[in-house]
Amino acid sequence: MSLNGLLKRLDTKKTILDTARPLPSASVRSLIKDFRLRYTHETTAIEGNTLTLRETQAVLQHGITVHGKPLRDHLEVINANEALDWLDKAVENKEPASEKLIMEFHRILMKGILKEDAGYYRRVPVFIQGAKHIPPNWRKVPSLMEELETWLKEAKDHPVVLAAKAHIRLARIHPFVDGNGRTCRLLVNYMLMQRGYPPALYTSENRDKYMNALDDVEQGDEEPFIRITAEATEWLFDRYLHLVNEVNVTEDQ
């Protein structure tokens, strides 16, 4: 299927979902709770976190420390979950997409991990392990982030395309010493939710495909990453539509 076809399919699913609202609040809460757990696990696992899905659940829901697993792994999932709380509030309060928003995402994600660098731009050169892209000189980061903020406020396109391109642009700047990927994925979901779309779930299972698509950007081809973002967005769409179908079956009985 072409990218345009995939985007139209998402738009159709959004129309069906919007028409079906409101859905049972208890069902929606359980759906979102499950998504948050999976998102927290996957976004950290992409970066090498060793906690399994069930271990992540134990840490978040029961405050359990998993024997033999690094403290950093525990902090990463706790912070990622807290960042989702902040993301929800930012969407609800209609916070503008901005440098401030991105820096706050990073501060929460890396709290207790980077210590002095959480929520601050890097002041050293960095390299991305295994990637073709070499990030710009750290002295250029503030001005590049200003340009990104302007683009975030002015860019017009399909919501999924905008979200994917926001990820691409932030990843290329690579403004932080660590935690850039997790920050990019939060920005994607902010851009989607701000426009009435469900958040995306990039998975660690597709990590190579995800990273290769970012490498394709270096060759001037953004479509593979936009497609991956569309597919990641469709995951929760399909869960919602399953709920819609279940509600309709109940009402017909």
Protein backbone atom coordinates (compact mmCIF):
# COMPACT_ATOMS: atom_id res chain seq x y z
CA MET A 1 0.00 0.00 0.00
CA SER A 2 1.23 3.50 -0.82
CA LEU A 3 1.95 5.95 1.97
CA ASN A 4 -1.03 8.07 0.92
CA GLY A 5 -3.20 4.97 1.06
CA LEU A 6 -1.96 4.19 4.56
CA LEU A 7 -2.66 7.74 5.74
CA LYS A 8 -6.17 7.62 4.25
CA ARG A 9 -6.78 4.35 6.08
CA LEU A 10 -5.81 6.02 9.35
CA ASP A 11 -8.13 8.94 8.59
CA THR A 12 -10.98 6.50 7.98
CA LYS A 13 -10.29 4.79 11.29
CA LYS A 14 -10.23 8.16 13.04
CA THR A 15 -13.62 9.06 11.56
CA ILE A 16 -15.09 5.74 12.76
CA LEU A 17 -13.63 6.25 16.22
CA ASP A 18 -14.77 9.88 16.49
CA THR A 19 -18.29 8.89 15.43
CA ALA A 20 -18.41 6.12 18.05
CA ARG A 21 -17.48 8.35 20.98
CA PRO A 22 -18.15 8.45 23.85
CA LEU A 23 -16.96 4.95 24.66
CA PRO A 24 -17.35 3.32 28.10
CA SER A 25 -14.98 5.18 30.40
CA ALA A 26 -13.88 2.05 32.28
CA SER A 27 -12.98 0.34 29.00
CA VAL A 28 -11.04 3.36 27.76
CA ARG A 29 -9.13 3.57 31.05
CA SER A 30 -8.09 -0.07 30.80
CA LEU A 31 -7.07 0.43 27.17
CA ILE A 32 -4.93 3.45 27.99
CA LYS A 33 -3.42 1.74 31.04
CA ASP A 34 -2.33 -1.16 28.86
CA PHE A 35 -0.92 1.20 26.21
CA ARG A 36 1.06 3.18 28.79
CA LEU A 37 2.67 0.01 30.13
CA ARG A 38 3.59 -1.18 26.65
CA TYR A 39 4.83 2.26 25.59
CA THR A 40 7.01 2.60 28.69
CA HIS A 41 8.52 -0.82 28.11
CA GLU A 42 9.07 -0.38 24.36
CA THR A 43 10.47 3.17 24.35
CA THR A 44 13.08 2.19 26.95
CA ALA A 45 13.78 -1.23 25.41
CA ILE A 46 14.61 0.44 22.09
CA GLU A 47 17.46 2.15 23.94
CA GLY A 48 18.72 -1.06 25.56
CA ASN A 49 16.73 -1.30 28.79
CA THR A 50 16.78 -4.94 29.94
CA LEU A 51 13.52 -5.05 31.91
CA THR A 52 10.87 -7.29 30.36
CA LEU A 53 7.26 -6.15 29.92
CA ARG A 54 6.21 -7.98 33.09
CA GLU A 55 9.19 -6.64 35.04
CA THR A 56 8.30 -3.15 33.89
CA GLN A 57 4.76 -3.74 35.12
CA ALA A 58 6.06 -4.92 38.51
CA VAL A 59 8.23 -1.82 38.89
CA LEU A 60 5.47 0.61 37.93
CA GLN A 61 2.47 -0.97 39.63
CA HIS A 62 4.03 -2.52 42.72
CA GLY A 63 7.27 -0.60 43.24
CA ILE A 64 9.24 -3.83 43.05
CA THR A 65 12.97 -3.80 42.40
CA VAL A 66 13.93 -6.57 39.99
CA HIS A 67 16.87 -8.54 41.33
CA GLY A 68 19.97 -8.37 39.16
CA LYS A 69 18.74 -5.50 36.99
CA PRO A 70 20.57 -2.13 36.98
CA LEU A 71 19.21 0.81 38.93
CA ARG A 72 19.27 2.83 35.72
CA ASP A 73 16.82 0.42 34.08
CA HIS A 74 14.38 0.98 36.94
CA LEU A 75 14.77 4.76 36.77
CA GLU A 76 14.25 4.77 33.00
CA VAL A 77 10.84 3.09 33.17
CA ILE A 78 9.72 5.13 36.19
CA ASN A 79 10.71 8.35 34.42
CA ALA A 80 9.13 7.32 31.11
CA ASN A 81 5.87 6.64 32.89
CA GLU A 82 6.03 9.98 34.69
CA ALA A 83 6.73 11.71 31.36
CA LEU A 84 3.47 10.28 30.02
CA ASP A 85 1.63 11.95 32.91
CA TRP A 86 3.22 15.24 32.01
CA LEU A 87 2.45 14.69 28.31
CA ASP A 88 -1.25 14.18 29.08
CA LYS A 89 -1.36 17.39 31.11
CA ALA A 90 0.45 19.34 28.37
CA VAL A 91 -2.08 18.15 25.78
CA GLU A 92 -5.00 18.93 28.09
CA ASN A 93 -3.63 22.42 28.78
CA LYS A 94 -2.94 22.97 25.07
CA GLU A 95 0.70 23.77 25.68
CA PRO A 96 2.39 24.90 22.45
CA ALA A 97 5.01 22.69 20.84
CA SER A 98 8.21 24.46 21.86
CA GLU A 99 11.77 24.23 23.10
CA LYS A 100 10.41 24.47 26.64
CA LEU A 101 8.17 21.46 26.06
CA ILE A 102 11.01 19.37 24.63
CA MET A 103 13.41 20.31 27.43
CA GLU A 104 10.80 19.38 30.05
CA PHE A 105 10.28 16.01 28.37
CA HIS A 106 14.00 15.40 28.59
CA ARG A 107 14.29 16.62 32.18
CA ILE A 108 11.66 14.13 33.35
CA LEU A 109 12.97 11.25 31.23
CA MET A 110 16.54 11.61 32.46
CA LYS A 111 15.91 12.70 36.04
CA GLY A 112 18.35 10.94 38.37
CA ILE A 113 20.17 9.42 35.41
CA LEU A 114 22.05 12.31 33.76
CA LYS A 115 21.92 14.44 36.93
CA GLU A 116 23.42 17.78 35.74
CA ASP A 117 22.47 17.30 32.08
CA ALA A 118 18.78 16.40 32.45
CA GLY A 119 16.76 19.10 30.70
CA TYR A 120 19.83 20.91 29.35
CA TYR A 121 21.36 20.99 25.88
CA ARG A 122 24.63 19.19 25.37
CA ARG A 123 27.87 21.12 25.60
CA VAL A 124 30.08 18.50 24.00
CA PRO A 125 30.35 16.75 20.61
CA VAL A 126 28.44 13.44 20.40
CA PHE A 127 28.18 10.54 18.00
CA ILE A 128 25.19 8.25 17.48
CA GLN A 129 26.22 4.64 17.84
CA GLY A 130 25.78 2.76 14.57
CA ALA A 131 24.13 5.68 12.74
CA LYS A 132 25.21 7.41 9.54
CA HIS A 133 24.27 10.85 10.81
CA ILE A 134 26.84 12.96 12.68
CA PRO A 135 25.05 15.53 14.90
CA PRO A 136 25.88 19.21 14.46
CA ASN A 137 28.40 21.06 16.60
CA TRP A 138 27.00 21.61 20.07
CA ARG A 139 27.38 25.39 19.71
CA LYS A 140 24.73 25.32 16.98
CA VAL A 141 22.17 23.46 19.09
CA PRO A 142 20.40 26.52 20.63
CA SER A 143 19.85 28.20 17.25
CA LEU A 144 18.79 24.93 15.62
CA MET A 145 16.27 24.36 18.39
CA GLU A 146 14.89 27.85 17.86
CA GLU A 147 14.44 27.00 14.19
CA LEU A 148 12.73 23.74 15.15
CA GLU A 149 10.31 25.59 17.43
CA THR A 150 9.38 27.91 14.57
CA TRP A 151 8.83 24.93 12.30
CA LEU A 152 6.69 23.16 14.92
CA LYS A 153 4.43 26.20 15.14
CA GLU A 154 4.15 26.88 11.41
CA ALA A 155 4.35 23.51 9.59
CA LYS A 156 1.19 22.25 7.88
CA ASP A 157 0.69 18.62 6.85
CA HIS A 158 -1.12 15.43 7.76
CA PRO A 159 -0.79 14.93 11.56
CA VAL A 160 1.16 11.68 11.17
CA VAL A 161 3.53 13.25 8.65
CA LEU A 162 4.08 16.25 10.93
CA ALA A 163 4.78 14.00 13.91
CA ALA A 164 7.27 11.88 11.95
CA LYS A 165 9.05 14.93 10.58
CA ALA A 166 9.25 16.43 14.07
CA HIS A 167 11.02 13.26 15.21
CA ILE A 168 13.38 13.40 12.24
CA ARG A 169 14.31 17.03 12.82
CA LEU A 170 14.84 16.67 16.56
CA ALA A 171 16.87 13.49 16.10
CA ARG A 172 19.14 15.21 13.59
CA ILE A 173 19.86 18.05 16.03
CA HIS A 174 20.47 15.49 18.79
CA PRO A 175 20.38 18.27 21.38
CA PHE A 176 21.09 16.17 24.48
CA VAL A 177 24.00 14.00 25.55
CA ASP A 178 21.60 11.07 26.04
CA GLY A 179 17.86 10.41 25.96
CA ASN A 180 17.29 11.92 22.52
CA GLY A 181 15.33 8.96 21.13
CA ARG A 182 12.92 8.81 24.05
CA THR A 183 12.43 12.58 23.83
CA CYS A 184 11.75 12.32 20.09
CA ARG A 185 9.11 9.66 20.62
CA LEU A 186 7.35 11.78 23.25
CA LEU A 187 7.35 14.70 20.82
CA VAL A 188 5.78 12.45 18.17
CA ASN A 189 2.97 11.57 20.55
CA TYR A 190 2.48 15.16 21.61
CA MET A 191 2.09 16.18 17.96
CA LEU A 192 -0.40 13.36 17.35
CA MET A 193 -2.48 13.83 20.48
CA GLN A 194 -2.55 17.58 20.00
CA ARG A 195 -4.36 16.90 16.71
CA GLY A 196 -6.80 14.32 18.02
CA TYR A 197 -4.86 11.20 17.00
CA PRO A 198 -3.90 8.36 19.36
CA PRO A 199 -0.24 8.13 20.41
CA ALA A 200 2.17 5.92 18.48
CA LEU A 201 3.80 2.74 19.75
CA TYR A 202 7.23 2.15 18.21
CA THR A 203 8.37 -1.32 19.27
CA SER A 204 11.75 -2.73 20.18
CA GLU A 205 10.94 -5.70 17.93
CA ASN A 206 11.10 -3.30 14.96
CA ARG A 207 14.14 -1.41 16.27
CA ASP A 208 16.34 -2.23 13.26
CA LYS A 209 13.64 -1.10 10.86
CA TYR A 210 13.19 2.08 12.89
CA MET A 211 16.92 2.85 12.92
CA ASN A 212 17.35 2.00 9.23
CA ALA A 213 14.52 4.37 8.35
CA LEU A 214 16.31 7.16 10.22
CA ASP A 215 19.45 6.31 8.22
CA ASP A 216 17.37 6.61 5.02
CA VAL A 217 16.78 10.24 5.93
CA GLU A 218 20.50 10.81 5.35
CA GLN A 219 19.89 9.79 1.72
CA GLY A 220 17.04 12.32 1.47
CA ASP A 221 14.24 9.77 1.85
CA GLU A 222 11.84 10.51 4.71
CA GLU A 223 9.03 8.22 3.53
CA PRO A 224 10.20 5.02 5.29
CA PHE A 225 10.19 6.76 8.66
CA ILE A 226 6.83 8.41 8.01
CA ARG A 227 5.45 4.97 7.13
CA ILE A 228 6.85 3.45 10.34
CA THR A 229 5.23 6.26 12.33
CA ALA A 230 1.90 5.64 10.58
CA GLU A 231 2.13 1.94 11.42
CA ALA A 232 3.03 2.78 15.02
CA THR A 233 -0.03 5.04 15.23
CA GLU A 234 -2.31 2.38 13.77
CA TRP A 235 -1.60 0.02 16.69
CA LEU A 236 -3.73 1.96 19.18
CA PHE A 237 -6.29 2.88 16.53
CA ASP A 238 -6.94 -0.84 16.05
CA ARG A 239 -7.30 -1.39 19.81
CA TYR A 240 -9.85 1.42 19.96
CA LEU A 241 -11.79 0.01 17.01
CA HIS A 242 -11.83 -3.42 18.64
CA LEU A 243 -13.45 -1.71 21.62
CA VAL A 244 -15.97 -0.01 19.32
CA ASN A 245 -16.90 -3.38 17.82
CA GLU A 246 -17.29 -4.95 21.25
CA VAL A 247 -19.58 -2.12 22.35
CA ASN A 248 -21.70 -2.48 19.22
CA VAL A 249 -22.05 -6.24 19.73
CA THR A 250 -23.19 -5.66 23.32
CA GLU A 251 -25.76 -3.08 22.25
CA ASP A 252 -27.16 -5.37 19.55
CA GLN A 253 -27.81 -8.23 21.96
